[in-house]
Amino acid sequence: MRTLRKTSIALLLLVFAASVSFGLTASDNHLVTITISEVTLMALSSTATITLTIDNTGLSAGDTPLGDSDNSKTLEYTTINTGALQRVVEAQLSAAAPSGTTLSLQASDPADAGGEGVSPGSVTLSDASAGSILTNIGSSATAGGGPTLTYTLAVSDATALDTAASGNITVTLTLTEDA
């Protein structure tokens, strides 16, 4: 009786093992649609006003007044482009710089040169047309390591300076497709 019981249990285990190993399985499938949308996002680290001053600090009689500079802002952006499309960041003034001065902007090269763009160096800003401060921006994200923006107000003609020309100028930065 014990032999019959052992044989029955062994036979039952063998049938179970065979059913598992001989494919009592099922499968099915479905499609997964992946959509990658074009993205163009940009923000400044701060939108606070920058103050650039021309004054007599450090001057002696007969010296040409000195300009001023500020590098307190960084630029962050995320882009997902179509194919080999490249983007640029352009800067333009809302009004001309005061007589006797030039206002320039230089973006540092981004931390990751692998598609986050290249700085062409210092660009003199104008109200007549936009100047490219970053070029060759591929699909990328600056992830907190965006370029530092350095604004420089320089005296180009001391005889044309006029305190009445003091005021506000808006600098507009635009992330756009490279033309």
Foldseek 3Di string as FASTA:
>chain_A
DVVVVVVVVVVVVVVVVCVVVVDPDDDDDDDDDDDDDWDKDKDKPDPDDDDKDWDCVPHDPPDQIWTGKDFPMFMWIFTADDDQWKKFKWKAKCAAQAPQKWKKKAWPQFPDVPQQFDAPGIDTHYNVDIDTGTIRHHGDTSVPRGTTMMIIIGGRHSVRDDPVSDDDMDMDIDIGIDD
